[in-house]
Amino acid sequence: MTRRLLTLACLAFATSSAFAGECTDTRPATGELVGQGLLSAETTDADRERLGKQLMCSALAGNGKSQEVAGSLYRWGPRHPAHVFPEDHDRARDLLNAAASQGYRSAMLKLAELELADGHAHEALLWAQVEGVFYRRALEREPSAESNPSIRYATYFAMLIKRVNAANGPYDEATLSREIDARVAGIDRQMAAHPISKDPTLADGKLPSQQHVQHASPADRDQGAYAQFFVEIGPDGRATRDWLVDAYPDPGTGLRLGRLVSQIRWDRLPAGDATMRYGLLPVSMSTTAHRVNPSAK
């Protein structure tokens, strides 16, 4: 993990040295960069380059949300609608590792997908299992976070485990268990040193009843559709804007799941509070049956 963080520091410094003196782990805020057009296809090349450098500067300063967004953008490269960075799986891996070390579970899932795509089946299995450990912990701390936890494994999450198991074949469970424990312990140490601040006003987004994903593809149904959005939430609790960050099995999945985002409702802010809130929002085929909790920092 330490080697990954050192590599991250080197690559971020190389791409954002002009901003290095201005960044902290909260400034520039990832949401501000996204709101200025970081993930918008209509952004000019010059503005995209400027925003991309600031994103990397923020990642270097330790912002886990910026690390995860940048990791996704390097993983997608030109396949991402915004095309902020070239495709570079090594840089994506370093950035996502840094975010995962802060406890960002969605970064762990992306690492499992990345390692699986690159032929590193054992690493993919490790990350999928480690994410499961942190997911179960989250349920123990906040049992109301998902009204029916079993649904989570009915679609994408169950199929990810199935795919990584198939790629690995037989393995020694005792050895795997020790490796999982060691990785979880390493992340726990990082999280204790750099805890993620939570925004209670972004908890428990709720969908109206009878929502479903329209025009789901066979791959969406068979493999489990999953997408992640950066969402801007107004004082009234409605999503005012959203941007696609990542998706599985393909970008079209993100477009289909994106139709659900505008239906989610978060808590209203007190009268007179005009604060705009930002978070990374996971959405899956099972989102229609439970509450939705974005990560905010």
C-alpha atoms as a PDB file:
ATOM      1  CA  MET A   1       0.000   0.000   0.000  1.00  0.00           C
ATOM      2  CA  THR A   2       2.851   2.380   0.871  1.00  0.00           C
ATOM      3  CA  ARG A   3       4.511   1.840  -2.500  1.00  0.00           C
ATOM      4  CA  ARG A   4       1.219   2.673  -4.202  1.00  0.00           C
ATOM      5  CA  LEU A   5       0.899   5.923  -2.271  1.00  0.00           C
ATOM      6  CA  LEU A   6       4.465   6.927  -3.136  1.00  0.00           C
ATOM      7  CA  THR A   7       3.793   6.198  -6.795  1.00  0.00           C
ATOM      8  CA  LEU A   8       0.625   8.284  -6.578  1.00  0.00           C
ATOM      9  CA  ALA A   9       2.570  11.212  -5.164  1.00  0.00           C
ATOM     10  CA  CYS A  10       5.085  11.050  -8.011  1.00  0.00           C
ATOM     11  CA  LEU A  11       2.512  10.900 -10.796  1.00  0.00           C
ATOM     12  CA  ALA A  12       0.338  13.609  -9.280  1.00  0.00           C
ATOM     13  CA  PHE A  13       3.289  15.944  -8.768  1.00  0.00           C
ATOM     14  CA  ALA A  14       4.354  15.451 -12.355  1.00  0.00           C
ATOM     15  CA  THR A  15       0.940  16.447 -13.685  1.00  0.00           C
ATOM     16  CA  SER A  16      -0.032  19.188 -11.237  1.00  0.00           C
ATOM     17  CA  SER A  17       3.096  20.903  -9.925  1.00  0.00           C
ATOM     18  CA  ALA A  18       1.670  24.293 -10.936  1.00  0.00           C
ATOM     19  CA  PHE A  19      -1.097  23.828  -8.360  1.00  0.00           C
ATOM     20  CA  ALA A  20       0.772  21.873  -5.677  1.00  0.00           C
ATOM     21  CA  GLY A  21       1.110  24.801  -3.286  1.00  0.00           C
ATOM     22  CA  GLU A  22      -2.609  25.568  -3.387  1.00  0.00           C
ATOM     23  CA  CYS A  23      -4.151  22.191  -2.637  1.00  0.00           C
ATOM     24  CA  THR A  24      -5.330  20.609   0.602  1.00  0.00           C
ATOM     25  CA  ASP A  25      -7.384  17.481   1.179  1.00  0.00           C
ATOM     26  CA  THR A  26     -10.517  19.649   0.955  1.00  0.00           C
ATOM     27  CA  ARG A  27      -9.531  22.416  -1.492  1.00  0.00           C
ATOM     28  CA  PRO A  28     -10.181  22.493  -4.319  1.00  0.00           C
ATOM     29  CA  ALA A  29     -13.243  20.448  -3.467  1.00  0.00           C
ATOM     30  CA  THR A  30     -13.983  17.666  -5.952  1.00  0.00           C
ATOM     31  CA  GLY A  31     -17.558  18.888  -6.254  1.00  0.00           C
ATOM     32  CA  GLU A  32     -16.428  22.344  -7.275  1.00  0.00           C
ATOM     33  CA  LEU A  33     -14.268  20.924 -10.073  1.00  0.00           C
ATOM     34  CA  VAL A  34     -17.102  18.712 -11.295  1.00  0.00           C
ATOM     35  CA  GLY A  35     -19.525  21.630 -11.122  1.00  0.00           C
ATOM     36  CA  GLN A  36     -17.158  23.700 -13.274  1.00  0.00           C
ATOM     37  CA  GLY A  37     -17.313  21.094 -16.035  1.00  0.00           C
ATOM     38  CA  LEU A  38     -14.692  18.439 -15.232  1.00  0.00           C
ATOM     39  CA  LEU A  39     -17.014  15.575 -16.269  1.00  0.00           C
ATOM     40  CA  SER A  40     -18.959  17.424 -18.965  1.00  0.00           C
ATOM     41  CA  ALA A  41     -18.390  16.465 -22.590  1.00  0.00           C
ATOM     42  CA  GLU A  42     -19.067  20.079 -23.624  1.00  0.00           C
ATOM     43  CA  THR A  43     -16.085  21.468 -21.675  1.00  0.00           C
ATOM     44  CA  THR A  44     -13.364  23.007 -23.864  1.00  0.00           C
ATOM     45  CA  ASP A  45     -10.017  21.245 -24.148  1.00  0.00           C
ATOM     46  CA  ALA A  46      -8.240  24.056 -22.291  1.00  0.00           C
ATOM     47  CA  ASP A  47     -10.706  24.016 -19.398  1.00  0.00           C
ATOM     48  CA  ARG A  48     -10.667  20.215 -19.269  1.00  0.00           C
ATOM     49  CA  GLU A  49      -6.873  20.220 -18.984  1.00  0.00           C
ATOM     50  CA  ARG A  50      -6.964  22.880 -16.264  1.00  0.00           C
ATOM     51  CA  LEU A  51      -9.623  21.070 -14.259  1.00  0.00           C
ATOM     52  CA  GLY A  52      -7.850  17.743 -14.704  1.00  0.00           C
ATOM     53  CA  LYS A  53      -4.647  19.197 -13.251  1.00  0.00           C
ATOM     54  CA  GLN A  54      -6.529  20.573 -10.273  1.00  0.00           C
ATOM     55  CA  LEU A  55      -8.199  17.199  -9.747  1.00  0.00           C
ATOM     56  CA  MET A  56      -4.794  15.528  -9.658  1.00  0.00           C
ATOM     57  CA  CYS A  57      -3.507  18.194  -7.292  1.00  0.00           C
ATOM     58  CA  SER A  58      -6.431  17.489  -4.978  1.00  0.00           C
ATOM     59  CA  ALA A  59      -5.714  13.755  -5.221  1.00  0.00           C
ATOM     60  CA  LEU A  60      -2.066  14.358  -4.292  1.00  0.00           C
ATOM     61  CA  ALA A  61      -3.175  16.350  -1.256  1.00  0.00           C
ATOM     62  CA  GLY A  62      -5.073  13.294  -0.021  1.00  0.00           C
ATOM     63  CA  ASN A  63      -8.666  13.853  -1.153  1.00  0.00           C
ATOM     64  CA  GLY A  64      -9.999  10.316  -1.514  1.00  0.00           C
ATOM     65  CA  LYS A  65     -12.952  11.423  -3.612  1.00  0.00           C
ATOM     66  CA  SER A  66     -10.615  13.115  -6.114  1.00  0.00           C
ATOM     67  CA  GLN A  67      -8.411  10.033  -6.128  1.00  0.00           C
ATOM     68  CA  GLU A  68     -11.354   7.809  -6.982  1.00  0.00           C
ATOM     69  CA  VAL A  69     -12.733  10.091  -9.710  1.00  0.00           C
ATOM     70  CA  ALA A  70      -9.281  10.474 -11.279  1.00  0.00           C
ATOM     71  CA  GLY A  71      -8.749   6.713 -11.094  1.00  0.00           C
ATOM     72  CA  SER A  72     -12.005   6.123 -12.968  1.00  0.00           C
ATOM     73  CA  LEU A  73     -11.066   8.676 -15.619  1.00  0.00           C
ATOM     74  CA  TYR A  74      -7.684   7.022 -16.199  1.00  0.00           C
ATOM     75  CA  ARG A  75      -9.379   3.618 -16.327  1.00  0.00           C
ATOM     76  CA  TRP A  76     -11.842   4.776 -18.981  1.00  0.00           C
ATOM     77  CA  GLY A  77      -9.594   7.106 -20.955  1.00  0.00           C
ATOM     78  CA  PRO A  78     -11.303   8.103 -24.233  1.00  0.00           C
ATOM     79  CA  ARG A  79     -14.222   5.769 -23.476  1.00  0.00           C
ATOM     80  CA  HIS A  80     -15.426   8.198 -20.829  1.00  0.00           C
ATOM     81  CA  PRO A  81     -17.834  10.807 -22.255  1.00  0.00           C
ATOM     82  CA  ALA A  82     -15.669  13.620 -20.846  1.00  0.00           C
ATOM     83  CA  HIS A  83     -12.301  12.076 -21.885  1.00  0.00           C
ATOM     84  CA  VAL A  84     -10.299  13.984 -19.273  1.00  0.00           C
ATOM     85  CA  PHE A  85      -7.231  11.707 -19.212  1.00  0.00           C
ATOM     86  CA  PRO A  86      -5.703   9.099 -21.528  1.00  0.00           C
ATOM     87  CA  GLU A  87      -6.321   5.460 -20.683  1.00  0.00           C
ATOM     88  CA  ASP A  88      -3.626   4.361 -18.222  1.00  0.00           C
ATOM     89  CA  HIS A  89      -4.382   1.367 -16.037  1.00  0.00           C
ATOM     90  CA  ASP A  90      -1.240   1.763 -13.929  1.00  0.00           C
ATOM     91  CA  ARG A  91      -2.201   5.297 -12.934  1.00  0.00           C
ATOM     92  CA  ALA A  92      -5.788   4.217 -12.420  1.00  0.00           C
ATOM     93  CA  ARG A  93      -4.597   1.417 -10.156  1.00  0.00           C
ATOM     94  CA  ASP A  94      -2.431   3.746  -8.041  1.00  0.00           C
ATOM     95  CA  LEU A  95      -5.202   6.318  -7.627  1.00  0.00           C
ATOM     96  CA  LEU A  96      -7.871   3.757  -6.808  1.00  0.00           C
ATOM     97  CA  ASN A  97      -5.552   2.046  -4.322  1.00  0.00           C
ATOM     98  CA  ALA A  98      -5.070   5.385  -2.577  1.00  0.00           C
ATOM     99  CA  ALA A  99      -8.846   5.929  -2.389  1.00  0.00           C
ATOM    100  CA  ALA A 100      -9.456   2.352  -1.231  1.00  0.00           C
ATOM    101  CA  SER A 101      -6.899   2.829   1.545  1.00  0.00           C
ATOM    102  CA  GLN A 102      -9.171   5.578   2.920  1.00  0.00           C
ATOM    103  CA  GLY A 103     -12.112   3.184   2.986  1.00  0.00           C
ATOM    104  CA  TYR A 104     -13.893   4.125  -0.260  1.00  0.00           C
ATOM    105  CA  ARG A 105     -15.688   0.873  -1.014  1.00  0.00           C
ATOM    106  CA  SER A 106     -16.579   1.822  -4.583  1.00  0.00           C
ATOM    107  CA  ALA A 107     -12.844   2.223  -5.293  1.00  0.00           C
ATOM    108  CA  MET A 108     -12.359  -1.349  -4.070  1.00  0.00           C
ATOM    109  CA  LEU A 109     -14.990  -2.581  -6.526  1.00  0.00           C
ATOM    110  CA  LYS A 110     -13.311  -0.684  -9.360  1.00  0.00           C
ATOM    111  CA  LEU A 111      -9.985  -2.248  -8.441  1.00  0.00           C
ATOM    112  CA  ALA A 112     -11.594  -5.685  -8.621  1.00  0.00           C
ATOM    113  CA  GLU A 113     -12.896  -4.880 -12.125  1.00  0.00           C
ATOM    114  CA  LEU A 114      -9.567  -3.369 -13.205  1.00  0.00           C
ATOM    115  CA  GLU A 115      -7.506  -6.313 -11.982  1.00  0.00           C
ATOM    116  CA  LEU A 116      -9.934  -8.783 -13.525  1.00  0.00           C
ATOM    117  CA  ALA A 117      -9.747  -7.000 -16.890  1.00  0.00           C
ATOM    118  CA  ASP A 118      -5.937  -6.956 -16.721  1.00  0.00           C
ATOM    119  CA  GLY A 119      -5.722 -10.678 -16.004  1.00  0.00           C
ATOM    120  CA  HIS A 120      -4.822 -10.361 -12.305  1.00  0.00           C
ATOM    121  CA  ALA A 121      -7.538 -12.679 -11.082  1.00  0.00           C
ATOM    122  CA  HIS A 122      -6.202 -13.178  -7.551  1.00  0.00           C
ATOM    123  CA  GLU A 123      -5.951  -9.435  -6.921  1.00  0.00           C
ATOM    124  CA  ALA A 124      -9.492  -9.051  -8.239  1.00  0.00           C
ATOM    125  CA  LEU A 125     -10.694 -11.703  -5.826  1.00  0.00           C
ATOM    126  CA  LEU A 126      -8.919 -10.041  -2.913  1.00  0.00           C
ATOM    127  CA  TRP A 127     -10.462  -6.630  -3.600  1.00  0.00           C
ATOM    128  CA  ALA A 128     -13.945  -8.066  -4.080  1.00  0.00           C
ATOM    129  CA  GLN A 129     -13.707  -9.889  -0.754  1.00  0.00           C
ATOM    130  CA  VAL A 130     -12.182  -6.905   1.074  1.00  0.00           C
ATOM    131  CA  GLU A 131     -15.029  -4.675  -0.132  1.00  0.00           C
ATOM    132  CA  GLY A 132     -17.442  -7.248   1.249  1.00  0.00           C
ATOM    133  CA  VAL A 133     -15.817  -6.962   4.686  1.00  0.00           C
ATOM    134  CA  PHE A 134     -16.281  -3.197   4.751  1.00  0.00           C
ATOM    135  CA  TYR A 135     -19.824  -3.513   3.419  1.00  0.00           C
ATOM    136  CA  ARG A 136     -20.774  -5.838   6.261  1.00  0.00           C
ATOM    137  CA  ARG A 137     -19.197  -3.452   8.754  1.00  0.00           C
ATOM    138  CA  ALA A 138     -21.263  -0.598   7.344  1.00  0.00           C
ATOM    139  CA  LEU A 139     -24.450  -2.598   7.861  1.00  0.00           C
ATOM    140  CA  GLU A 140     -23.487  -3.339  11.450  1.00  0.00           C
ATOM    141  CA  ARG A 141     -22.929   0.379  12.137  1.00  0.00           C
ATOM    142  CA  GLU A 142     -25.976   1.609  10.218  1.00  0.00           C
ATOM    143  CA  PRO A 143     -28.490  -1.232   9.834  1.00  0.00           C
ATOM    144  CA  SER A 144     -31.031   1.167   8.311  1.00  0.00           C
ATOM    145  CA  ALA A 145     -28.699   2.021   5.405  1.00  0.00           C
ATOM    146  CA  GLU A 146     -30.290  -0.690   3.268  1.00  0.00           C
ATOM    147  CA  SER A 147     -33.733  -1.973   4.055  1.00  0.00           C
ATOM    148  CA  ASN A 148     -32.954  -5.443   2.699  1.00  0.00           C
ATOM    149  CA  PRO A 149     -29.207  -6.160   2.557  1.00  0.00           C
ATOM    150  CA  SER A 150     -29.729  -9.451   0.718  1.00  0.00           C
ATOM    151  CA  ILE A 151     -30.831  -7.602  -2.418  1.00  0.00           C
ATOM    152  CA  ARG A 152     -27.363  -6.168  -2.839  1.00  0.00           C
ATOM    153  CA  TYR A 153     -26.025  -9.581  -3.735  1.00  0.00           C
ATOM    154  CA  ALA A 154     -28.888 -10.363  -6.087  1.00  0.00           C
ATOM    155  CA  THR A 155     -27.361  -8.485  -9.023  1.00  0.00           C
ATOM    156  CA  TYR A 156     -24.028  -6.818  -9.736  1.00  0.00           C
ATOM    157  CA  PHE A 157     -22.263  -7.655  -6.489  1.00  0.00           C
ATOM    158  CA  ALA A 158     -23.083 -11.360  -6.627  1.00  0.00           C
ATOM    159  CA  MET A 159     -22.070 -11.530 -10.285  1.00  0.00           C
ATOM    160  CA  LEU A 160     -18.735  -9.825  -9.565  1.00  0.00           C
ATOM    161  CA  ILE A 161     -17.907 -12.510  -6.984  1.00  0.00           C
ATOM    162  CA  LYS A 162     -18.983 -15.169  -9.458  1.00  0.00           C
ATOM    163  CA  ARG A 163     -16.759 -13.723 -12.208  1.00  0.00           C
ATOM    164  CA  VAL A 164     -13.670 -13.414 -10.036  1.00  0.00           C
ATOM    165  CA  ASN A 165     -14.156 -16.912  -8.637  1.00  0.00           C
ATOM    166  CA  ALA A 166     -14.449 -18.319 -12.157  1.00  0.00           C
ATOM    167  CA  ALA A 167     -11.263 -16.533 -13.216  1.00  0.00           C
ATOM    168  CA  ASN A 168      -9.331 -17.894 -10.225  1.00  0.00           C
ATOM    169  CA  GLY A 169     -10.397 -21.492 -10.190  1.00  0.00           C
ATOM    170  CA  PRO A 170      -9.602 -23.498  -7.032  1.00  0.00           C
ATOM    171  CA  TYR A 171      -7.700 -21.670  -4.284  1.00  0.00           C
ATOM    172  CA  ASP A 172      -6.690 -22.239  -0.676  1.00  0.00           C
ATOM    173  CA  GLU A 173      -9.319 -20.588   1.497  1.00  0.00           C
ATOM    174  CA  ALA A 174      -7.089 -20.330   4.576  1.00  0.00           C
ATOM    175  CA  THR A 175      -4.390 -18.498   2.610  1.00  0.00           C
ATOM    176  CA  LEU A 176      -6.967 -16.189   1.031  1.00  0.00           C
ATOM    177  CA  SER A 177      -8.453 -15.442   4.449  1.00  0.00           C
ATOM    178  CA  ARG A 178      -5.040 -14.411   5.797  1.00  0.00           C
ATOM    179  CA  GLU A 179      -4.466 -12.161   2.793  1.00  0.00           C
ATOM    180  CA  ILE A 180      -7.874 -10.527   3.222  1.00  0.00           C
ATOM    181  CA  ASP A 181      -7.239  -9.953   6.941  1.00  0.00           C
ATOM    182  CA  ALA A 182      -3.842  -8.387   6.221  1.00  0.00           C
ATOM    183  CA  ARG A 183      -5.252  -6.034   3.591  1.00  0.00           C
ATOM    184  CA  VAL A 184      -8.174  -5.015   5.790  1.00  0.00           C
ATOM    185  CA  ALA A 185      -5.777  -4.331   8.670  1.00  0.00           C
ATOM    186  CA  GLY A 186      -3.659  -2.116   6.410  1.00  0.00           C
ATOM    187  CA  ILE A 187      -6.694  -0.128   5.321  1.00  0.00           C
ATOM    188  CA  ASP A 188      -7.839   0.183   8.934  1.00  0.00           C
ATOM    189  CA  ARG A 189      -4.518   1.771   9.821  1.00  0.00           C
ATOM    190  CA  GLN A 190      -4.801   4.248   6.953  1.00  0.00           C
ATOM    191  CA  MET A 191      -8.378   5.097   7.875  1.00  0.00           C
ATOM    192  CA  ALA A 192      -7.437   5.674  11.508  1.00  0.00           C
ATOM    193  CA  ALA A 193      -4.773   8.129  10.393  1.00  0.00           C
ATOM    194  CA  HIS A 194      -7.015   9.866   7.816  1.00  0.00           C
ATOM    195  CA  PRO A 195     -10.692   9.408   8.733  1.00  0.00           C
ATOM    196  CA  ILE A 196     -13.351  10.260   6.157  1.00  0.00           C
ATOM    197  CA  SER A 197     -15.660  13.042   7.297  1.00  0.00           C
ATOM    198  CA  LYS A 198     -19.324  12.210   6.817  1.00  0.00           C
ATOM    199  CA  ASP A 199     -22.035  14.629   5.779  1.00  0.00           C
ATOM    200  CA  PRO A 200     -25.207  13.588   7.634  1.00  0.00           C
ATOM    201  CA  THR A 201     -27.334  15.711   5.295  1.00  0.00           C
ATOM    202  CA  LEU A 202     -26.528  13.282   2.461  1.00  0.00           C
ATOM    203  CA  ALA A 203     -27.642  10.140   4.275  1.00  0.00           C
ATOM    204  CA  ASP A 204     -30.547   7.961   3.247  1.00  0.00           C
ATOM    205  CA  GLY A 205     -31.581   9.189  -0.155  1.00  0.00           C
ATOM    206  CA  LYS A 206     -34.916   7.568  -0.978  1.00  0.00           C
ATOM    207  CA  LEU A 207     -36.627   6.612  -4.214  1.00  0.00           C
ATOM    208  CA  PRO A 208     -40.399   6.830  -4.735  1.00  0.00           C
ATOM    209  CA  SER A 209     -42.087   3.446  -4.836  1.00  0.00           C
ATOM    210  CA  GLN A 210     -42.577   1.524  -8.084  1.00  0.00           C
ATOM    211  CA  GLN A 211     -39.373   2.771  -9.713  1.00  0.00           C
ATOM    212  CA  HIS A 212     -37.546   0.460 -12.092  1.00  0.00           C
ATOM    213  CA  VAL A 213     -34.821   0.589 -14.705  1.00  0.00           C
ATOM    214  CA  GLN A 214     -36.423   1.015 -18.111  1.00  0.00           C
ATOM    215  CA  HIS A 215     -35.008  -0.623 -21.245  1.00  0.00           C
ATOM    216  CA  ALA A 216     -32.485  -2.704 -19.290  1.00  0.00           C
ATOM    217  CA  SER A 217     -30.253  -4.716 -21.623  1.00  0.00           C
ATOM    218  CA  PRO A 218     -29.728  -8.496 -21.309  1.00  0.00           C
ATOM    219  CA  ALA A 219     -26.243  -7.751 -19.912  1.00  0.00           C
ATOM    220  CA  ASP A 220     -27.751  -5.402 -17.324  1.00  0.00           C
ATOM    221  CA  ARG A 221     -30.063  -8.164 -16.125  1.00  0.00           C
ATOM    222  CA  ASP A 222     -27.662 -11.089 -16.401  1.00  0.00           C
ATOM    223  CA  GLN A 223     -24.521  -9.424 -15.031  1.00  0.00           C
ATOM    224  CA  GLY A 224     -26.073  -6.811 -12.787  1.00  0.00           C
ATOM    225  CA  ALA A 225     -25.981  -3.176 -13.826  1.00  0.00           C
ATOM    226  CA  TYR A 226     -23.920  -0.813 -11.679  1.00  0.00           C
ATOM    227  CA  ALA A 227     -22.989   2.833 -12.144  1.00  0.00           C
ATOM    228  CA  GLN A 228     -21.528   5.672 -10.144  1.00  0.00           C
ATOM    229  CA  PHE A 229     -22.451   9.330 -10.475  1.00  0.00           C
ATOM    230  CA  PHE A 230     -21.218  12.563  -9.029  1.00  0.00           C
ATOM    231  CA  VAL A 231     -24.380  14.257  -7.866  1.00  0.00           C
ATOM    232  CA  GLU A 232     -25.175  17.848  -6.921  1.00  0.00           C
ATOM    233  CA  ILE A 233     -28.029  18.151  -4.440  1.00  0.00           C
ATOM    234  CA  GLY A 234     -29.913  21.358  -3.814  1.00  0.00           C
ATOM    235  CA  PRO A 235     -31.361  22.661  -0.529  1.00  0.00           C
ATOM    236  CA  ASP A 236     -34.714  21.059  -1.384  1.00  0.00           C
ATOM    237  CA  GLY A 237     -33.155  17.575  -1.399  1.00  0.00           C
ATOM    238  CA  ARG A 238     -33.447  17.089  -5.157  1.00  0.00           C
ATOM    239  CA  ALA A 239     -30.544  16.252  -7.459  1.00  0.00           C
ATOM    240  CA  THR A 240     -30.007  19.358  -9.556  1.00  0.00           C
ATOM    241  CA  ARG A 241     -27.243  17.916 -11.740  1.00  0.00           C
ATOM    242  CA  ASP A 242     -25.413  14.614 -12.073  1.00  0.00           C
ATOM    243  CA  TRP A 243     -22.415  13.347 -14.010  1.00  0.00           C
ATOM    244  CA  LEU A 244     -21.437   9.783 -14.898  1.00  0.00           C
ATOM    245  CA  VAL A 245     -18.167   8.672 -13.288  1.00  0.00           C
ATOM    246  CA  ASP A 246     -18.108   4.916 -13.889  1.00  0.00           C
ATOM    247  CA  ALA A 247     -20.338   2.048 -15.016  1.00  0.00           C
ATOM    248  CA  TYR A 248     -20.513  -1.721 -15.550  1.00  0.00           C
ATOM    249  CA  PRO A 249     -20.887  -3.553 -17.869  1.00  0.00           C
ATOM    250  CA  ASP A 250     -20.752  -0.630 -20.327  1.00  0.00           C
ATOM    251  CA  PRO A 251     -21.345   3.147 -20.569  1.00  0.00           C
ATOM    252  CA  GLY A 252     -24.868   2.565 -21.823  1.00  0.00           C
ATOM    253  CA  THR A 253     -25.640   0.983 -18.468  1.00  0.00           C
ATOM    254  CA  GLY A 254     -24.740   4.274 -16.820  1.00  0.00           C
ATOM    255  CA  LEU A 255     -27.114   6.153 -19.083  1.00  0.00           C
ATOM    256  CA  ARG A 256     -29.978   3.808 -18.235  1.00  0.00           C
ATOM    257  CA  LEU A 257     -29.350   3.855 -14.499  1.00  0.00           C
ATOM    258  CA  GLY A 258     -28.859   7.622 -14.614  1.00  0.00           C
ATOM    259  CA  ARG A 259     -32.586   8.057 -15.127  1.00  0.00           C
ATOM    260  CA  LEU A 260     -33.089   7.011 -11.507  1.00  0.00           C
ATOM    261  CA  VAL A 261     -30.897   9.764 -10.072  1.00  0.00           C
ATOM    262  CA  SER A 262     -33.396  12.570 -10.599  1.00  0.00           C
ATOM    263  CA  GLN A 263     -36.015  10.531  -8.692  1.00  0.00           C
ATOM    264  CA  ILE A 264     -33.976  10.236  -5.485  1.00  0.00           C
ATOM    265  CA  ARG A 265     -34.874  12.565  -2.613  1.00  0.00           C
ATOM    266  CA  TRP A 266     -32.571  13.591   0.229  1.00  0.00           C
ATOM    267  CA  ASP A 267     -33.391  15.579   3.352  1.00  0.00           C
ATOM    268  CA  ARG A 268     -34.226  19.246   2.862  1.00  0.00           C
ATOM    269  CA  LEU A 269     -31.921  21.818   4.414  1.00  0.00           C
ATOM    270  CA  PRO A 270     -33.279  24.297   7.002  1.00  0.00           C
ATOM    271  CA  ALA A 271     -35.063  27.312   5.566  1.00  0.00           C
ATOM    272  CA  GLY A 272     -32.605  29.924   4.335  1.00  0.00           C
ATOM    273  CA  ASP A 273     -29.729  27.458   3.859  1.00  0.00           C
ATOM    274  CA  ALA A 274     -28.758  27.548   0.177  1.00  0.00           C
ATOM    275  CA  THR A 275     -25.820  25.126   0.431  1.00  0.00           C
ATOM    276  CA  MET A 276     -25.248  22.814  -2.550  1.00  0.00           C
ATOM    277  CA  ARG A 277     -24.165  19.331  -1.515  1.00  0.00           C
ATOM    278  CA  TYR A 278     -21.998  16.943  -3.542  1.00  0.00           C
ATOM    279  CA  GLY A 279     -21.345  13.230  -3.298  1.00  0.00           C
ATOM    280  CA  LEU A 280     -20.316  10.091  -5.173  1.00  0.00           C
ATOM    281  CA  LEU A 281     -23.514   8.126  -5.684  1.00  0.00           C
ATOM    282  CA  PRO A 282     -23.591   4.368  -6.429  1.00  0.00           C
ATOM    283  CA  VAL A 283     -26.657   3.101  -8.302  1.00  0.00           C
ATOM    284  CA  SER A 284     -27.377  -0.517  -9.197  1.00  0.00           C
ATOM    285  CA  MET A 285     -30.272  -2.599 -10.450  1.00  0.00           C
ATOM    286  CA  SER A 286     -31.172  -3.225  -6.792  1.00  0.00           C
ATOM    287  CA  THR A 287     -31.185   0.488  -5.901  1.00  0.00           C
ATOM    288  CA  THR A 288     -34.913   0.591  -6.587  1.00  0.00           C
ATOM    289  CA  ALA A 289     -35.459  -1.494  -3.457  1.00  0.00           C
ATOM    290  CA  HIS A 290     -33.287   0.262  -0.877  1.00  0.00           C
ATOM    291  CA  ARG A 291     -31.953   3.567   0.313  1.00  0.00           C
ATOM    292  CA  VAL A 292     -29.054   5.258  -1.427  1.00  0.00           C
ATOM    293  CA  ASN A 293     -26.067   6.645   0.450  1.00  0.00           C
ATOM    294  CA  PRO A 294     -23.476   8.715  -1.412  1.00  0.00           C
ATOM    295  CA  SER A 295     -19.966   9.114  -0.043  1.00  0.00           C
ATOM    296  CA  ALA A 296     -19.160  12.698   0.824  1.00  0.00           C
ATOM    297  CA  LYS A 297     -15.937  14.389   1.887  1.00  0.00           C
END
